[in-house]
N, C-alpha and C. Protein backbone atom coordinates (compact mmCIF):
# COMPACT_ATOMS: atom_id res chain seq x y z
N MET A 1 0.86 -1.18 0.00
CA MET A 1 0.00 0.00 0.00
C MET A 1 0.90 1.24 0.00
N SER A 2 0.50 2.23 -0.73
CA SER A 2 1.34 3.41 -0.87
C SER A 2 1.30 4.28 0.37
N ILE A 3 2.34 5.08 0.53
CA ILE A 3 2.44 5.99 1.67
C ILE A 3 1.32 7.02 1.63
N ILE A 4 0.90 7.42 0.44
CA ILE A 4 -0.19 8.40 0.31
C ILE A 4 -1.50 7.80 0.81
N ARG A 5 -1.73 6.55 0.49
CA ARG A 5 -2.95 5.88 0.95
C ARG A 5 -2.94 5.74 2.47
N HIS A 6 -1.81 5.36 3.04
CA HIS A 6 -1.69 5.28 4.50
C HIS A 6 -1.95 6.64 5.14
N ALA A 7 -1.36 7.68 4.56
CA ALA A 7 -1.52 9.03 5.10
C ALA A 7 -2.99 9.47 5.03
N ALA A 8 -3.65 9.15 3.93
CA ALA A 8 -5.06 9.51 3.78
C ALA A 8 -5.92 8.79 4.81
N LYS A 9 -5.67 7.50 5.00
CA LYS A 9 -6.42 6.74 6.00
C LYS A 9 -6.13 7.26 7.40
N PHE A 10 -4.88 7.57 7.67
CA PHE A 10 -4.49 8.10 8.98
C PHE A 10 -5.22 9.43 9.25
N THR A 11 -5.36 10.25 8.22
CA THR A 11 -6.07 11.53 8.33
C THR A 11 -7.55 11.30 8.62
N VAL A 12 -8.16 10.36 7.92
CA VAL A 12 -9.57 10.04 8.15
C VAL A 12 -9.76 9.56 9.59
N VAL A 13 -8.89 8.70 10.06
CA VAL A 13 -8.97 8.22 11.44
C VAL A 13 -8.83 9.40 12.40
N GLY A 14 -7.97 10.35 12.09
CA GLY A 14 -7.82 11.53 12.93
C GLY A 14 -9.11 12.33 13.04
N PHE A 15 -9.81 12.51 11.92
CA PHE A 15 -11.09 13.22 11.95
C PHE A 15 -12.14 12.44 12.75
N ILE A 16 -12.20 11.14 12.53
CA ILE A 16 -13.14 10.31 13.30
C ILE A 16 -12.81 10.39 14.78
N ASN A 17 -11.53 10.29 15.11
CA ASN A 17 -11.07 10.34 16.49
C ASN A 17 -11.46 11.66 17.14
N THR A 18 -11.32 12.76 16.41
CA THR A 18 -11.69 14.07 16.94
C THR A 18 -13.19 14.12 17.21
N GLY A 19 -13.99 13.59 16.30
CA GLY A 19 -15.44 13.55 16.49
C GLY A 19 -15.85 12.71 17.69
N VAL A 20 -15.21 11.54 17.84
CA VAL A 20 -15.49 10.67 18.98
C VAL A 20 -15.12 11.39 20.28
N TYR A 21 -13.92 11.97 20.29
CA TYR A 21 -13.48 12.71 21.49
C TYR A 21 -14.48 13.80 21.85
N TYR A 22 -14.82 14.64 20.88
CA TYR A 22 -15.67 15.80 21.17
C TYR A 22 -17.08 15.37 21.59
N GLY A 23 -17.62 14.35 20.94
CA GLY A 23 -18.94 13.84 21.33
C GLY A 23 -18.96 13.33 22.76
N PHE A 24 -17.97 12.51 23.11
CA PHE A 24 -17.90 12.01 24.48
C PHE A 24 -17.60 13.13 25.47
N TYR A 25 -16.77 14.07 25.08
CA TYR A 25 -16.47 15.22 25.95
C TYR A 25 -17.77 15.97 26.28
N LEU A 26 -18.55 16.28 25.27
CA LEU A 26 -19.79 17.01 25.50
C LEU A 26 -20.76 16.23 26.38
N LEU A 27 -20.87 14.93 26.15
CA LEU A 27 -21.76 14.10 26.97
C LEU A 27 -21.30 14.04 28.42
N MET A 28 -20.03 13.78 28.63
CA MET A 28 -19.52 13.62 29.99
C MET A 28 -19.44 14.95 30.74
N ARG A 29 -19.29 16.03 29.99
CA ARG A 29 -19.23 17.35 30.62
C ARG A 29 -20.53 17.69 31.34
N MET A 30 -21.61 17.04 30.95
CA MET A 30 -22.90 17.27 31.60
C MET A 30 -22.93 16.72 33.02
N VAL A 31 -22.07 15.75 33.32
CA VAL A 31 -22.12 15.10 34.62
C VAL A 31 -20.82 15.19 35.42
N MET A 32 -19.80 15.85 34.85
CA MET A 32 -18.52 15.96 35.56
C MET A 32 -17.80 17.22 35.11
N PRO A 33 -16.79 17.63 35.85
CA PRO A 33 -16.00 18.81 35.47
C PRO A 33 -15.32 18.61 34.10
N TYR A 34 -15.06 19.72 33.43
CA TYR A 34 -14.55 19.65 32.06
C TYR A 34 -13.22 18.90 31.94
N LEU A 35 -12.31 19.04 32.91
CA LEU A 35 -11.03 18.33 32.80
C LEU A 35 -11.21 16.82 32.94
N ALA A 36 -12.08 16.39 33.82
CA ALA A 36 -12.37 14.96 33.96
C ALA A 36 -13.00 14.43 32.67
N ALA A 37 -13.94 15.22 32.11
CA ALA A 37 -14.57 14.83 30.85
C ALA A 37 -13.53 14.74 29.73
N HIS A 38 -12.59 15.67 29.71
CA HIS A 38 -11.52 15.67 28.72
C HIS A 38 -10.66 14.41 28.84
N ILE A 39 -10.26 14.08 30.05
CA ILE A 39 -9.41 12.92 30.27
C ILE A 39 -10.11 11.63 29.84
N LEU A 40 -11.36 11.46 30.24
CA LEU A 40 -12.08 10.24 29.87
C LEU A 40 -12.38 10.19 28.38
N ALA A 41 -12.76 11.32 27.79
CA ALA A 41 -13.03 11.35 26.35
C ALA A 41 -11.76 11.05 25.56
N THR A 42 -10.64 11.56 26.03
CA THR A 42 -9.36 11.28 25.37
C THR A 42 -9.04 9.79 25.43
N ALA A 43 -9.25 9.17 26.58
CA ALA A 43 -8.98 7.73 26.72
C ALA A 43 -9.86 6.91 25.78
N ILE A 44 -11.14 7.25 25.72
CA ILE A 44 -12.06 6.52 24.83
C ILE A 44 -11.65 6.70 23.37
N ALA A 45 -11.37 7.94 23.00
CA ALA A 45 -10.97 8.22 21.61
C ALA A 45 -9.66 7.53 21.27
N MET A 46 -8.75 7.45 22.23
CA MET A 46 -7.46 6.81 21.98
C MET A 46 -7.63 5.32 21.72
N VAL A 47 -8.51 4.68 22.45
CA VAL A 47 -8.77 3.25 22.22
C VAL A 47 -9.35 3.06 20.82
N GLY A 48 -10.32 3.89 20.46
CA GLY A 48 -10.90 3.80 19.12
C GLY A 48 -9.86 4.04 18.04
N SER A 49 -9.02 5.04 18.25
CA SER A 49 -7.97 5.36 17.30
C SER A 49 -7.01 4.20 17.13
N PHE A 50 -6.64 3.57 18.23
CA PHE A 50 -5.74 2.42 18.17
C PHE A 50 -6.30 1.33 17.25
N PHE A 51 -7.56 0.96 17.49
CA PHE A 51 -8.14 -0.13 16.71
C PHE A 51 -8.39 0.26 15.26
N LEU A 52 -8.83 1.49 15.00
CA LEU A 52 -9.00 1.93 13.61
C LEU A 52 -7.68 1.95 12.87
N ASN A 53 -6.65 2.48 13.51
CA ASN A 53 -5.34 2.52 12.85
C ASN A 53 -4.76 1.13 12.68
N THR A 54 -4.94 0.28 13.68
CA THR A 54 -4.39 -1.06 13.59
C THR A 54 -5.06 -1.86 12.47
N TYR A 55 -6.39 -1.93 12.53
CA TYR A 55 -7.11 -2.77 11.56
C TYR A 55 -7.24 -2.14 10.19
N TRP A 56 -7.57 -0.85 10.13
CA TRP A 56 -7.92 -0.23 8.85
C TRP A 56 -6.74 0.47 8.18
N THR A 57 -6.04 1.33 8.92
CA THR A 57 -4.96 2.10 8.31
C THR A 57 -3.77 1.23 7.95
N PHE A 58 -3.30 0.46 8.92
CA PHE A 58 -2.06 -0.30 8.71
C PHE A 58 -2.28 -1.80 8.51
N ARG A 59 -3.53 -2.26 8.66
CA ARG A 59 -3.88 -3.66 8.44
C ARG A 59 -2.95 -4.63 9.16
N THR A 60 -2.80 -4.38 10.46
CA THR A 60 -1.99 -5.26 11.28
C THR A 60 -2.85 -5.83 12.40
N LYS A 61 -2.32 -6.83 13.06
CA LYS A 61 -3.04 -7.45 14.16
C LYS A 61 -2.71 -6.71 15.46
N PRO A 62 -3.74 -6.32 16.21
CA PRO A 62 -3.44 -5.65 17.48
C PRO A 62 -2.88 -6.64 18.49
N THR A 63 -1.99 -6.15 19.31
CA THR A 63 -1.45 -6.96 20.41
C THR A 63 -1.53 -6.13 21.69
N TRP A 64 -1.43 -6.80 22.81
CA TRP A 64 -1.45 -6.08 24.09
C TRP A 64 -0.25 -5.15 24.19
N LYS A 65 0.89 -5.57 23.67
CA LYS A 65 2.09 -4.74 23.72
C LYS A 65 1.90 -3.45 22.92
N LYS A 66 1.38 -3.58 21.68
CA LYS A 66 1.10 -2.39 20.87
C LYS A 66 0.08 -1.49 21.56
N PHE A 67 -0.93 -2.10 22.16
CA PHE A 67 -1.97 -1.35 22.84
C PHE A 67 -1.40 -0.58 24.03
N ALA A 68 -0.47 -1.20 24.75
CA ALA A 68 0.15 -0.55 25.91
C ALA A 68 1.07 0.59 25.49
N ILE A 69 1.74 0.45 24.38
CA ILE A 69 2.69 1.46 23.91
C ILE A 69 1.98 2.62 23.19
N PHE A 70 0.83 2.36 22.59
CA PHE A 70 0.13 3.36 21.78
C PHE A 70 -0.07 4.71 22.48
N PRO A 71 -0.48 4.75 23.75
CA PRO A 71 -0.66 6.06 24.39
C PRO A 71 0.62 6.91 24.41
N LEU A 72 1.78 6.27 24.43
CA LEU A 72 3.03 7.02 24.43
C LEU A 72 3.21 7.81 23.13
N THR A 73 2.65 7.29 22.03
CA THR A 73 2.76 8.00 20.76
C THR A 73 1.91 9.27 20.76
N ASN A 74 0.95 9.34 21.67
CA ASN A 74 0.06 10.50 21.75
C ASN A 74 0.34 11.39 22.95
N LEU A 75 1.37 11.06 23.73
CA LEU A 75 1.61 11.75 24.99
C LEU A 75 1.84 13.25 24.83
N THR A 76 2.67 13.66 23.91
CA THR A 76 2.95 15.08 23.72
C THR A 76 1.68 15.83 23.34
N ASN A 77 0.94 15.28 22.39
CA ASN A 77 -0.32 15.90 21.97
C ASN A 77 -1.29 16.01 23.15
N TYR A 78 -1.39 14.95 23.94
CA TYR A 78 -2.29 14.94 25.09
C TYR A 78 -1.92 16.03 26.10
N VAL A 79 -0.64 16.15 26.41
CA VAL A 79 -0.18 17.15 27.38
C VAL A 79 -0.44 18.56 26.85
N VAL A 80 -0.08 18.82 25.60
CA VAL A 80 -0.28 20.15 25.02
C VAL A 80 -1.77 20.49 24.98
N GLN A 81 -2.59 19.54 24.57
CA GLN A 81 -4.02 19.79 24.47
C GLN A 81 -4.64 20.00 25.85
N THR A 82 -4.22 19.24 26.85
CA THR A 82 -4.77 19.38 28.20
C THR A 82 -4.38 20.71 28.82
N VAL A 83 -3.11 21.07 28.71
CA VAL A 83 -2.65 22.37 29.23
C VAL A 83 -3.35 23.50 28.48
N GLY A 84 -3.47 23.37 27.16
CA GLY A 84 -4.15 24.38 26.37
C GLY A 84 -5.61 24.54 26.76
N LEU A 85 -6.29 23.42 26.97
CA LEU A 85 -7.69 23.45 27.39
C LEU A 85 -7.84 24.17 28.73
N ALA A 86 -7.02 23.79 29.69
CA ALA A 86 -7.10 24.42 31.02
C ALA A 86 -6.78 25.91 30.93
N ALA A 87 -5.79 26.27 30.15
CA ALA A 87 -5.42 27.69 30.01
C ALA A 87 -6.54 28.48 29.35
N LEU A 88 -7.14 27.93 28.32
CA LEU A 88 -8.22 28.63 27.64
C LEU A 88 -9.43 28.83 28.55
N VAL A 89 -9.77 27.81 29.33
CA VAL A 89 -10.94 27.90 30.21
C VAL A 89 -10.64 28.77 31.43
N GLU A 90 -9.52 28.50 32.09
CA GLU A 90 -9.23 29.16 33.36
C GLU A 90 -8.68 30.58 33.19
N TRP A 91 -7.79 30.78 32.25
CA TRP A 91 -7.12 32.08 32.11
C TRP A 91 -7.75 32.97 31.04
N ALA A 92 -8.23 32.37 29.97
CA ALA A 92 -8.81 33.17 28.89
C ALA A 92 -10.34 33.22 28.98
N SER A 93 -10.90 32.55 29.97
CA SER A 93 -12.36 32.52 30.19
C SER A 93 -13.14 32.06 28.95
N MET A 94 -12.56 31.14 28.20
CA MET A 94 -13.25 30.61 27.02
C MET A 94 -14.29 29.59 27.47
N ASP A 95 -15.38 29.52 26.75
CA ASP A 95 -16.45 28.56 27.05
C ASP A 95 -15.90 27.13 26.98
N GLU A 96 -16.29 26.30 27.93
CA GLU A 96 -15.84 24.91 27.99
C GLU A 96 -16.27 24.08 26.79
N VAL A 97 -17.29 24.53 26.07
CA VAL A 97 -17.76 23.81 24.89
C VAL A 97 -16.84 24.05 23.69
N ILE A 98 -16.34 25.26 23.56
CA ILE A 98 -15.50 25.64 22.42
C ILE A 98 -14.01 25.36 22.68
N ALA A 99 -13.57 25.50 23.91
CA ALA A 99 -12.15 25.40 24.26
C ALA A 99 -11.46 24.12 23.78
N PRO A 100 -12.08 22.94 23.85
CA PRO A 100 -11.39 21.73 23.37
C PRO A 100 -11.06 21.78 21.88
N LEU A 101 -11.94 22.39 21.11
CA LEU A 101 -11.70 22.48 19.67
C LEU A 101 -10.55 23.44 19.38
N VAL A 102 -10.51 24.54 20.10
CA VAL A 102 -9.41 25.52 19.93
C VAL A 102 -8.11 24.89 20.40
N ALA A 103 -8.12 24.21 21.53
CA ALA A 103 -6.91 23.57 22.06
C ALA A 103 -6.40 22.49 21.11
N ALA A 104 -7.29 21.82 20.42
CA ALA A 104 -6.89 20.76 19.48
C ALA A 104 -6.15 21.34 18.28
N VAL A 105 -6.53 22.55 17.90
CA VAL A 105 -5.88 23.18 16.75
C VAL A 105 -4.49 23.63 17.17
């Protein structure tokens, strides 16, 4: 499979992952603080991303080892997005509904 095809599939998974994250974030935000909702939504989206990328993008078999290592590939993004979210809500007084989308960019 070509690198362009992998990149296109990876991009599609990224959009799906963002939608899953934001949907779960909005749902969980109704019953818990925004940072807790962010953390749980990120975890759910990360699991979905792992399986979509494993099965669809790269057509490989998932293993427990790959599953355990996968969050490390997202660690920098997670930290930047979490700090950005908190800064936007707490310091910039941005609405908790919009802040995750801005922090993701």
